[in-house]
Amino acid sequence: MVFLITILFVVPLLYILYILSNFLGKKRHKKCYLLDYQLYKPSDDRKLSTEFCGEVIKRSKNLGLNEYQFLLKAIVSSGIGEETYAPKMVFEGREESPTHHDAIVEMEELFEYTIGRILKRTGISPSEIDILVVNISMLACMPSLSSRIVNRYKMREDIKTYNLCGMGCSASLVSLNIVESIFKSKKNQIAMVVTSESLTPNWYIGNDKSMILSNCLFRSGGCVMILTNKPSLANKCMLKLNCLVRTHHGAKDESYGCCIQTEDAQGRVGFHLGKSLPKAATRAFVDNLKVLAPKILPIRELLRFGILSVTRKMFQNGERKSTGSKRPTINFKAGVDHFCLHTGGKAVIDTVAESLSLSEYDVEPARMTLHRFGNTSASSVWYVLGYMEAKKRLKKGDKLFMISFGAGFKCNSCLWEVVRDLEGVENVWKECRIEDYPPQTLTNPFLEKYGWIQDEDINTFKIPE
């Protein structure tokens, strides 16, 4: 009798518990966690001071007074300070004739600084890395940069490597999406993502204003992340990825050509930033938010927005048409605690802040990152994250919205959840004296020092002693 009861009741119960446990286990393995990240901080002798910027402009053979004045205005209004970094060849006066070796050395400096530190801090061995994704948009080499990392750190023979080029400033979220997709099909994985940009072979030496602008905005930087789906490491991780949305407008010719590497009239290669860029970015941003909002906002906020939108439309289409009624906006703060914005430039930050109705407190991390490190391409959003961490803003359970824009044209965004309180240990922002941020003023002294120059010929430009 006891045996029969066991068969009829206990065995089915155990089977149900087994199925349930297996199901929950699979769900846990499909999650993507950020275990740790390491930002790149070049040496102080690579800082672009006001005086040195003047020297770089002076020695350019292709700039006239008109181009100089344009550069002056761009630098002053860019939101970039005096402590951003440039490649070594600029300080050696070789920006007009960089070599392929210079570009490789620039990347090797990034690898040496970041990868060694993050492996030591996490206790992860190179042999434990299952997946390696490297995104350096404007440098392709043979062997690939991912292969160079595998060789340098003697990683396993069965490691899965991905080397991304041409993905622009939103490449790190593309890399993240690759890792997330692999995690859904493979258990107990550890992934490393390396994100940066190679400025050495892409410093523009011509006089096309749409290409000169890139020299004013892009700066040296980079980041290495370690991600995992191991349940045993979940409590040690920093962030958990809740969702990720990618929007690509490459099918639209205007969007495709607004941000592109090309040649000027003299055949000099540069990065063209077209006048249609703000429009293309806005379209991609709106389409991205349409998909993202239902994934991250509470039902009550979506209902509020829907009711207001329908009501406004009824009044506009009816006899009692309202003049001057404001378009309803979604309150993203209803589902987001922190905003990690791409530091593409002051105008980019201002536009996103206005669109999302963000306060100065919300955009402070992005503004300070632009001021201190400039636009470091795909790694920019991670410097913004580092600022928040160093300021001890990130508490367990907080939601973090990360958004980036890139050539293509692309807008990629994601929502993270903070797993534990973050204190900013081993953070480059602490080395930058985070307590001094934000400074009282963000003025750039470039105009004050060199704005008096009224010469008709740039060749008469003198650098004060």
Protein backbone atom coordinates (compact mmCIF):
# COMPACT_ATOMS: atom_id res chain seq x y z
CA MET A 1 0.00 0.00 0.00
CA VAL A 2 2.78 2.43 0.93
CA PHE A 3 4.60 1.52 -2.27
CA LEU A 4 1.46 2.26 -4.31
CA ILE A 5 0.99 5.65 -2.64
CA THR A 6 4.62 6.48 -3.38
CA ILE A 7 4.18 5.65 -7.05
CA LEU A 8 0.90 7.55 -7.40
CA PHE A 9 1.78 10.71 -5.50
CA VAL A 10 5.46 11.13 -4.61
CA VAL A 11 6.96 10.20 -7.97
CA PRO A 12 4.73 12.59 -10.00
CA LEU A 13 5.48 15.35 -7.48
CA LEU A 14 9.20 14.83 -7.82
CA TYR A 15 8.85 14.84 -11.60
CA ILE A 16 6.95 18.14 -11.50
CA LEU A 17 9.60 19.66 -9.24
CA TYR A 18 12.31 18.43 -11.61
CA ILE A 19 10.58 20.01 -14.63
CA LEU A 20 10.04 23.25 -12.72
CA SER A 21 13.65 23.34 -11.54
CA ASN A 22 14.89 22.66 -15.05
CA PHE A 23 12.70 25.43 -16.45
CA LEU A 24 13.86 27.97 -13.87
CA GLY A 25 17.46 26.90 -14.42
CA LYS A 26 17.20 27.55 -18.13
CA LYS A 27 15.70 30.97 -17.46
CA ARG A 28 18.56 31.81 -15.11
CA HIS A 29 21.16 30.71 -17.66
CA LYS A 30 19.62 32.96 -20.31
CA LYS A 31 20.21 36.10 -18.26
CA CYS A 32 23.09 38.43 -19.12
CA TYR A 33 25.09 40.00 -16.28
CA LEU A 34 27.86 42.57 -16.30
CA LEU A 35 30.48 41.19 -13.93
CA ASP A 36 32.87 44.14 -14.21
CA TYR A 37 34.28 46.73 -16.63
CA GLN A 38 37.52 48.67 -16.97
CA LEU A 39 37.83 52.11 -18.56
CA TYR A 40 40.97 53.29 -20.37
CA LYS A 41 42.84 56.36 -19.15
CA PRO A 42 45.84 57.33 -21.31
CA SER A 43 48.90 58.92 -19.70
CA ASP A 44 48.85 62.63 -18.83
CA ASP A 45 51.36 63.48 -21.57
CA ARG A 46 48.59 62.74 -24.09
CA LYS A 47 46.24 65.50 -22.91
CA LEU A 48 45.12 68.08 -25.47
CA SER A 49 45.70 71.36 -23.68
CA THR A 50 44.66 74.74 -25.07
CA GLU A 51 48.24 75.58 -26.07
CA PHE A 52 48.81 72.29 -27.81
CA CYS A 53 45.55 72.54 -29.77
CA GLY A 54 46.79 75.87 -31.08
CA GLU A 55 50.05 74.26 -32.17
CA VAL A 56 48.24 71.48 -34.02
CA ILE A 57 46.12 74.02 -35.91
CA LYS A 58 49.14 76.14 -36.69
CA ARG A 59 51.16 73.34 -38.26
CA SER A 60 48.31 72.18 -40.50
CA LYS A 61 49.26 73.16 -44.05
CA ASN A 62 45.74 73.03 -45.47
CA LEU A 63 43.86 75.42 -43.18
CA GLY A 64 43.05 79.01 -44.05
CA LEU A 65 41.60 81.73 -41.87
CA ASN A 66 38.04 80.61 -42.60
CA GLU A 67 38.77 77.03 -41.53
CA TYR A 68 40.65 78.23 -38.45
CA GLN A 69 37.71 80.34 -37.33
CA PHE A 70 35.39 77.38 -37.89
CA LEU A 71 37.64 75.14 -35.79
CA LEU A 72 37.79 77.77 -33.06
CA LYS A 73 34.01 78.04 -32.90
CA ALA A 74 33.58 74.26 -32.96
CA ILE A 75 36.05 73.63 -30.14
CA VAL A 76 34.66 76.37 -27.91
CA SER A 77 31.04 75.23 -28.32
CA SER A 78 31.76 71.48 -28.23
CA GLY A 79 31.56 71.08 -24.45
CA ILE A 80 35.03 69.47 -24.43
CA GLY A 81 37.61 70.57 -21.87
CA GLU A 82 41.41 70.63 -21.79
CA GLU A 83 42.05 67.15 -20.40
CA THR A 84 40.88 64.92 -23.25
CA TYR A 85 43.36 62.57 -24.93
CA ALA A 86 44.72 62.15 -28.46
CA PRO A 87 46.88 59.46 -30.12
CA LYS A 88 50.64 59.53 -29.64
CA MET A 89 51.41 60.40 -33.28
CA VAL A 90 49.66 63.79 -32.85
CA PHE A 91 52.11 64.73 -30.08
CA GLU A 92 54.98 63.57 -32.26
CA GLY A 93 53.79 65.87 -35.07
CA ARG A 94 53.06 62.99 -37.45
CA GLU A 95 49.28 63.31 -37.87
CA GLU A 96 49.73 63.84 -41.62
CA SER A 97 51.71 60.60 -42.08
CA PRO A 98 50.68 57.96 -39.53
CA THR A 99 51.75 54.36 -40.13
CA HIS A 100 49.82 51.12 -39.75
CA HIS A 101 52.17 50.29 -36.89
CA ASP A 102 51.04 53.48 -35.10
CA ALA A 103 47.43 52.29 -35.24
CA ILE A 104 48.34 48.86 -33.88
CA VAL A 105 50.38 50.42 -31.06
CA GLU A 106 47.38 52.61 -30.14
CA MET A 107 45.26 49.48 -29.74
CA GLU A 108 47.99 47.59 -27.88
CA GLU A 109 48.15 50.40 -25.31
CA LEU A 110 44.40 50.01 -24.74
CA PHE A 111 44.66 46.22 -24.37
CA GLU A 112 47.59 46.42 -21.95
CA TYR A 113 45.90 48.98 -19.71
CA THR A 114 42.39 47.50 -19.54
CA ILE A 115 42.50 43.73 -20.03
CA GLY A 116 45.22 43.03 -17.49
CA ARG A 117 43.49 45.15 -14.85
CA ILE A 118 40.05 43.63 -15.26
CA LEU A 119 41.36 40.04 -15.25
CA LYS A 120 43.30 40.71 -12.06
CA ARG A 121 40.41 42.42 -10.32
CA THR A 122 37.80 39.77 -11.19
CA GLY A 123 40.11 36.79 -10.73
CA ILE A 124 39.07 35.52 -14.17
CA SER A 125 41.80 33.65 -16.06
CA PRO A 126 42.19 34.21 -19.85
CA SER A 127 41.57 30.47 -20.26
CA GLU A 128 38.10 30.91 -18.71
CA ILE A 129 36.94 33.31 -21.43
CA ASP A 130 34.47 31.53 -23.73
CA ILE A 131 33.53 34.45 -25.99
CA LEU A 132 35.57 37.45 -27.17
CA VAL A 133 33.97 40.36 -29.05
CA VAL A 134 36.11 43.27 -30.25
CA ASN A 135 34.61 46.36 -31.88
CA ILE A 136 37.02 48.91 -33.35
CA SER A 137 35.03 50.58 -36.10
CA MET A 138 37.73 52.29 -38.19
CA LEU A 139 40.63 49.83 -38.14
CA ALA A 140 40.79 46.51 -39.97
CA CYS A 141 43.98 44.47 -39.78
CA MET A 142 45.28 40.96 -40.43
CA PRO A 143 45.33 39.02 -38.18
CA SER A 144 42.30 40.63 -36.58
CA LEU A 145 42.49 42.54 -33.32
CA SER A 146 40.54 39.77 -31.60
CA SER A 147 43.22 37.31 -32.75
CA ARG A 148 45.91 39.58 -31.34
CA ILE A 149 44.21 39.47 -27.95
CA VAL A 150 43.87 35.68 -28.09
CA ASN A 151 47.58 35.40 -28.91
CA ARG A 152 48.69 37.91 -26.30
CA TYR A 153 46.74 36.30 -23.45
CA LYS A 154 46.99 32.69 -24.70
CA MET A 155 43.27 32.01 -24.67
CA ARG A 156 41.67 28.63 -25.40
CA GLU A 157 41.55 27.01 -28.82
CA ASP A 158 37.75 26.73 -28.74
CA ILE A 159 37.10 30.39 -27.84
CA LYS A 160 34.46 32.06 -30.03
CA THR A 161 35.79 35.36 -31.40
CA TYR A 162 33.96 38.17 -33.18
CA ASN A 163 35.74 41.18 -34.70
CA LEU A 164 33.41 44.07 -35.63
CA CYS A 165 34.33 46.96 -37.94
CA GLY A 166 32.31 49.88 -39.26
CA MET A 167 29.62 49.79 -36.57
CA GLY A 168 30.24 53.34 -35.31
CA CYS A 169 29.60 54.87 -31.92
CA SER A 170 26.81 52.42 -31.02
CA ALA A 171 29.04 49.37 -31.55
CA SER A 172 29.35 48.38 -27.88
CA LEU A 173 25.61 47.70 -27.66
CA VAL A 174 25.87 45.69 -30.90
CA SER A 175 28.61 43.64 -29.22
CA LEU A 176 26.45 43.30 -26.14
CA ASN A 177 23.59 42.00 -28.29
CA ILE A 178 25.89 39.33 -29.76
CA VAL A 179 26.85 38.14 -26.27
CA GLU A 180 23.23 38.21 -25.10
CA SER A 181 22.17 36.06 -28.07
CA ILE A 182 24.87 33.47 -27.38
CA PHE A 183 23.95 33.33 -23.70
CA LYS A 184 20.41 32.28 -24.64
CA SER A 185 21.70 29.05 -26.17
CA LYS A 186 24.80 28.26 -24.09
CA LYS A 187 25.07 27.79 -20.32
CA ASN A 188 27.77 28.97 -17.91
CA GLN A 189 29.56 31.27 -20.34
CA ILE A 190 32.01 34.12 -19.68
CA ALA A 191 32.39 36.78 -22.36
CA MET A 192 34.83 39.64 -22.83
CA VAL A 193 33.91 42.70 -24.89
CA VAL A 194 36.56 45.21 -25.98
CA THR A 195 35.22 48.51 -27.33
CA SER A 196 37.20 51.49 -28.60
CA GLU A 197 38.09 53.49 -31.71
CA SER A 198 41.31 53.92 -33.67
CA LEU A 199 41.99 57.63 -34.20
CA THR A 200 45.56 57.25 -35.49
CA PRO A 201 44.76 56.46 -39.15
CA ASN A 202 41.62 58.63 -39.15
CA TRP A 203 42.91 62.06 -38.16
CA TYR A 204 41.69 64.34 -40.96
CA ILE A 205 44.31 66.68 -42.46
CA GLY A 206 42.20 68.44 -45.11
CA ASN A 207 40.03 71.55 -45.04
CA ASP A 208 36.51 70.19 -45.60
CA LYS A 209 34.49 71.58 -42.71
CA SER A 210 32.22 68.53 -42.48
CA MET A 211 35.32 66.39 -41.86
CA ILE A 212 37.33 68.83 -39.74
CA LEU A 213 34.60 68.60 -37.12
CA SER A 214 35.50 64.99 -36.25
CA ASN A 215 38.96 66.15 -35.07
CA CYS A 216 37.24 68.45 -32.56
CA LEU A 217 34.99 65.77 -31.07
CA PHE A 218 36.64 62.34 -31.16
CA ARG A 219 39.19 61.46 -28.49
CA SER A 220 41.18 58.45 -27.31
CA GLY A 221 39.42 56.08 -24.94
CA GLY A 222 38.11 52.56 -24.57
CA CYS A 223 36.54 50.00 -22.29
CA VAL A 224 36.69 46.27 -21.58
CA MET A 225 33.72 44.42 -20.08
CA ILE A 226 33.30 40.92 -18.70
CA LEU A 227 29.80 39.48 -18.96
CA THR A 228 28.42 36.15 -17.82
CA ASN A 229 25.29 34.03 -17.54
CA LYS A 230 26.65 31.85 -14.76
CA PRO A 231 24.12 31.74 -11.89
CA SER A 232 26.97 31.18 -9.45
CA LEU A 233 28.40 34.62 -10.33
CA ALA A 234 25.09 36.51 -10.30
CA ASN A 235 25.55 37.95 -6.78
CA LYS A 236 29.04 39.22 -7.63
CA CYS A 237 27.89 41.06 -10.76
CA MET A 238 27.21 44.76 -11.09
CA LEU A 239 24.33 44.96 -13.57
CA LYS A 240 21.72 42.69 -15.13
CA LEU A 241 20.57 43.30 -18.70
CA ASN A 242 16.76 43.52 -18.85
CA CYS A 243 16.25 44.34 -22.52
CA LEU A 244 18.06 45.69 -25.59
CA VAL A 245 16.61 47.32 -28.73
CA ARG A 246 18.45 48.02 -31.98
CA THR A 247 17.17 50.37 -34.71
CA HIS A 248 18.84 50.59 -38.14
CA HIS A 249 17.89 53.18 -40.79
CA GLY A 250 20.50 52.15 -43.34
CA ALA A 251 17.79 51.67 -45.98
CA LYS A 252 17.20 55.45 -45.98
CA ASP A 253 19.80 57.12 -48.22
CA GLU A 254 19.77 60.34 -46.20
CA SER A 255 20.41 58.45 -42.95
CA TYR A 256 23.03 56.21 -44.54
CA GLY A 257 25.10 59.12 -45.91
CA CYS A 258 24.89 61.56 -43.00
CA CYS A 259 27.74 59.96 -41.05
CA ILE A 260 30.24 58.24 -43.32
CA GLN A 261 33.95 57.70 -43.94
CA THR A 262 34.80 59.11 -47.36
CA GLU A 263 37.29 61.22 -49.35
CA ASP A 264 37.27 64.98 -49.86
CA ALA A 265 37.81 66.72 -53.22
CA GLN A 266 41.60 66.25 -52.88
CA GLY A 267 41.31 62.53 -52.10
CA ARG A 268 42.08 62.89 -48.38
CA VAL A 269 40.19 60.36 -46.26
CA GLY A 270 38.05 61.68 -43.45
CA PHE A 271 34.84 61.18 -41.50
CA HIS A 272 31.97 63.22 -42.97
CA LEU A 273 29.33 64.55 -40.56
CA GLY A 274 26.50 65.88 -42.73
CA LYS A 275 23.88 68.54 -42.05
CA SER A 276 21.17 65.87 -42.15
CA LEU A 277 22.72 64.09 -39.14
CA PRO A 278 20.43 65.69 -36.47
CA LYS A 279 17.34 64.78 -38.50
CA ALA A 280 18.53 61.20 -39.04
CA ALA A 281 19.38 60.80 -35.37
CA THR A 282 15.97 62.10 -34.30
CA ARG A 283 14.13 59.67 -36.57
CA ALA A 284 16.16 56.69 -35.35
CA PHE A 285 15.75 57.81 -31.73
CA VAL A 286 11.95 58.07 -32.02
CA ASP A 287 11.62 54.67 -33.71
CA ASN A 288 13.85 53.09 -31.08
CA LEU A 289 11.81 54.52 -28.21
CA LYS A 290 8.57 53.25 -29.76
CA VAL A 291 9.86 49.70 -29.36
CA LEU A 292 11.67 50.22 -26.07
CA ALA A 293 9.02 52.13 -24.09
CA PRO A 294 6.51 49.24 -23.72
CA LYS A 295 9.35 47.02 -22.48
CA ILE A 296 10.58 49.28 -19.69
CA LEU A 297 7.68 51.51 -18.56
CA PRO A 298 4.89 50.58 -16.13
CA ILE A 299 1.38 50.03 -17.50
CA ARG A 300 0.03 53.12 -15.74
CA GLU A 301 2.43 55.40 -17.63
CA LEU A 302 1.59 53.81 -20.99
CA LEU A 303 -2.13 54.17 -20.25
CA ARG A 304 -1.69 57.82 -19.24
CA PHE A 305 0.17 58.60 -22.44
CA GLY A 306 -2.36 56.69 -24.56
CA ILE A 307 -5.37 58.47 -23.04
CA LEU A 308 -3.79 61.91 -23.46
CA SER A 309 -2.82 61.15 -27.07
CA VAL A 310 -6.32 59.96 -28.00
CA THR A 311 -7.94 62.92 -26.23
CA ARG A 312 -5.70 65.41 -28.03
CA LYS A 313 -6.41 63.78 -31.38
CA MET A 314 -10.16 63.89 -30.77
CA PHE A 315 -10.06 67.59 -29.97
CA GLN A 316 -7.93 68.31 -33.02
CA ASN A 317 -10.22 66.39 -35.38
CA GLY A 318 -13.50 67.56 -33.80
CA GLU A 319 -15.31 70.86 -33.96
CA ARG A 320 -13.71 72.04 -30.71
CA LYS A 321 -10.25 71.99 -32.25
CA SER A 322 -7.72 73.21 -29.73
CA THR A 323 -5.06 75.65 -30.84
CA GLY A 324 -1.75 75.54 -29.08
CA SER A 325 -2.36 72.29 -27.18
CA LYS A 326 0.91 70.58 -26.32
CA ARG A 327 1.79 67.16 -27.62
CA PRO A 328 1.75 64.64 -24.73
CA THR A 329 5.10 63.13 -23.76
CA ILE A 330 6.07 59.87 -22.11
CA ASN A 331 7.62 60.19 -18.67
CA PHE A 332 10.57 57.81 -18.90
CA LYS A 333 11.45 58.54 -15.30
CA ALA A 334 8.46 56.39 -14.37
CA GLY A 335 10.53 53.33 -15.26
CA VAL A 336 14.11 54.62 -15.29
CA ASP A 337 16.28 55.94 -12.46
CA HIS A 338 19.44 56.88 -14.37
CA PHE A 339 20.20 57.93 -17.96
CA CYS A 340 23.45 56.89 -19.62
CA LEU A 341 23.54 59.08 -22.76
CA HIS A 342 25.96 58.87 -25.66
CA THR A 343 28.39 61.83 -25.56
CA GLY A 344 28.36 62.48 -29.31
CA GLY A 345 28.53 66.21 -28.64
CA LYS A 346 26.83 68.97 -26.69
CA ALA A 347 23.99 69.17 -29.24
CA VAL A 348 23.35 65.42 -28.97
CA ILE A 349 23.08 65.57 -25.17
CA ASP A 350 20.84 68.66 -25.29
CA THR A 351 18.50 67.09 -27.86
CA VAL A 352 18.06 63.82 -25.96
CA ALA A 353 17.63 65.68 -22.67
CA GLU A 354 14.88 67.84 -24.17
CA SER A 355 13.15 64.87 -25.81
CA LEU A 356 13.05 62.90 -22.54
CA SER A 357 12.40 65.94 -20.31
CA LEU A 358 15.56 65.27 -18.29
CA SER A 359 16.91 67.51 -15.55
CA GLU A 360 20.47 68.80 -15.29
CA TYR A 361 21.08 66.17 -12.62
CA ASP A 362 20.09 63.46 -15.13
CA VAL A 363 22.44 64.70 -17.87
CA GLU A 364 25.32 65.69 -15.58
CA PRO A 365 27.18 62.36 -16.09
CA ALA A 366 27.03 62.74 -19.89
CA ARG A 367 28.10 66.40 -19.83
CA MET A 368 31.00 65.69 -17.48
CA THR A 369 32.13 62.73 -19.59
CA LEU A 370 32.12 64.89 -22.72
CA HIS A 371 34.04 67.60 -20.86
CA ARG A 372 36.66 65.26 -19.36
CA PHE A 373 37.09 62.53 -21.99
CA GLY A 374 35.37 63.86 -25.13
CA ASN A 375 33.56 61.60 -27.59
CA THR A 376 35.33 58.25 -27.23
CA SER A 377 32.99 56.63 -29.77
CA ALA A 378 31.47 53.30 -28.70
CA SER A 379 33.05 53.44 -25.24
CA SER A 380 31.46 56.81 -24.34
CA VAL A 381 28.44 55.37 -22.53
CA TRP A 382 30.73 53.33 -20.25
CA TYR A 383 32.56 56.48 -19.11
CA VAL A 384 29.12 57.93 -18.29
CA LEU A 385 28.38 54.78 -16.28
CA GLY A 386 31.75 55.16 -14.55
CA TYR A 387 30.86 58.71 -13.50
CA MET A 388 27.60 57.54 -11.93
CA GLU A 389 29.40 54.75 -10.11
CA ALA A 390 32.13 57.06 -8.80
CA LYS A 391 29.45 59.46 -7.55
CA LYS A 392 27.79 56.50 -5.73
CA ARG A 393 24.49 57.11 -7.49
CA LEU A 394 23.82 53.48 -8.38
CA LYS A 395 21.92 51.51 -5.73
CA LYS A 396 20.59 47.97 -5.77
CA GLY A 397 17.39 47.69 -7.81
CA ASP A 398 17.90 50.95 -9.76
CA LYS A 399 17.11 50.93 -13.48
CA LEU A 400 19.71 52.36 -15.87
CA PHE A 401 18.81 53.45 -19.42
CA MET A 402 21.73 53.38 -21.89
CA ILE A 403 21.44 54.85 -25.39
CA SER A 404 23.92 55.34 -28.24
CA PHE A 405 23.93 56.55 -31.84
CA GLY A 406 26.19 55.41 -34.66
CA ALA A 407 26.91 55.45 -38.38
CA GLY A 408 24.57 53.41 -40.51
CA PHE A 409 22.46 55.19 -39.21
CA LYS A 410 21.78 53.34 -35.95
CA CYS A 411 20.22 53.99 -32.57
CA ASN A 412 20.74 51.26 -29.97
CA SER A 413 19.48 51.28 -26.41
CA CYS A 414 19.16 48.97 -23.42
CA LEU A 415 17.93 48.85 -19.84
CA TRP A 416 20.13 47.56 -17.01
CA GLU A 417 19.16 46.72 -13.45
CA VAL A 418 21.68 47.37 -10.67
CA VAL A 419 22.36 44.08 -8.84
CA ARG A 420 24.23 45.57 -5.87
CA ASP A 421 25.23 48.99 -4.56
CA LEU A 422 28.14 50.28 -6.66
CA GLU A 423 30.89 52.26 -4.94
CA GLY A 424 33.25 53.09 -7.82
CA VAL A 425 36.19 50.90 -6.76
CA GLU A 426 39.14 50.98 -9.21
CA ASN A 427 37.38 53.62 -11.29
CA VAL A 428 39.33 56.04 -13.53
CA TRP A 429 37.01 58.84 -12.44
CA LYS A 430 38.42 58.54 -8.91
CA GLU A 431 41.87 59.17 -10.38
CA CYS A 432 40.37 62.30 -11.97
CA ARG A 433 39.32 63.58 -8.51
CA ILE A 434 35.60 62.91 -8.85
CA GLU A 435 34.93 65.23 -5.91
CA ASP A 436 35.86 68.17 -8.18
CA TYR A 437 33.00 67.37 -10.57
CA PRO A 438 30.96 69.09 -11.73
CA PRO A 439 33.23 72.17 -11.85
CA GLN A 440 31.72 75.60 -11.37
CA THR A 441 32.18 76.51 -15.04
CA LEU A 442 32.77 74.49 -18.20
CA THR A 443 34.26 77.29 -20.27
CA ASN A 444 37.01 76.49 -22.75
CA PRO A 445 39.87 79.05 -22.66
CA PHE A 446 40.68 78.49 -26.34
CA LEU A 447 38.69 81.52 -27.51
CA GLU A 448 40.12 83.74 -24.78
CA LYS A 449 43.70 82.80 -25.70
CA TYR A 450 43.55 82.78 -29.49
CA GLY A 451 40.35 84.61 -30.43
CA TRP A 452 42.21 87.92 -30.89
CA ILE A 453 43.83 86.67 -34.10
CA GLN A 454 42.50 88.60 -37.11
CA ASP A 455 45.23 87.85 -39.63
CA GLU A 456 44.14 87.26 -43.21
CA ASP A 457 46.60 84.39 -43.57
CA ILE A 458 46.79 81.54 -41.09
CA ASN A 459 50.54 81.26 -41.83
CA THR A 460 51.10 84.43 -39.77
CA PHE A 461 49.53 82.80 -36.72
CA LYS A 462 51.97 82.97 -33.81
CA ILE A 463 51.83 80.79 -30.72
CA PRO A 464 52.48 83.00 -27.67
CA GLU A 465 55.53 82.02 -25.59
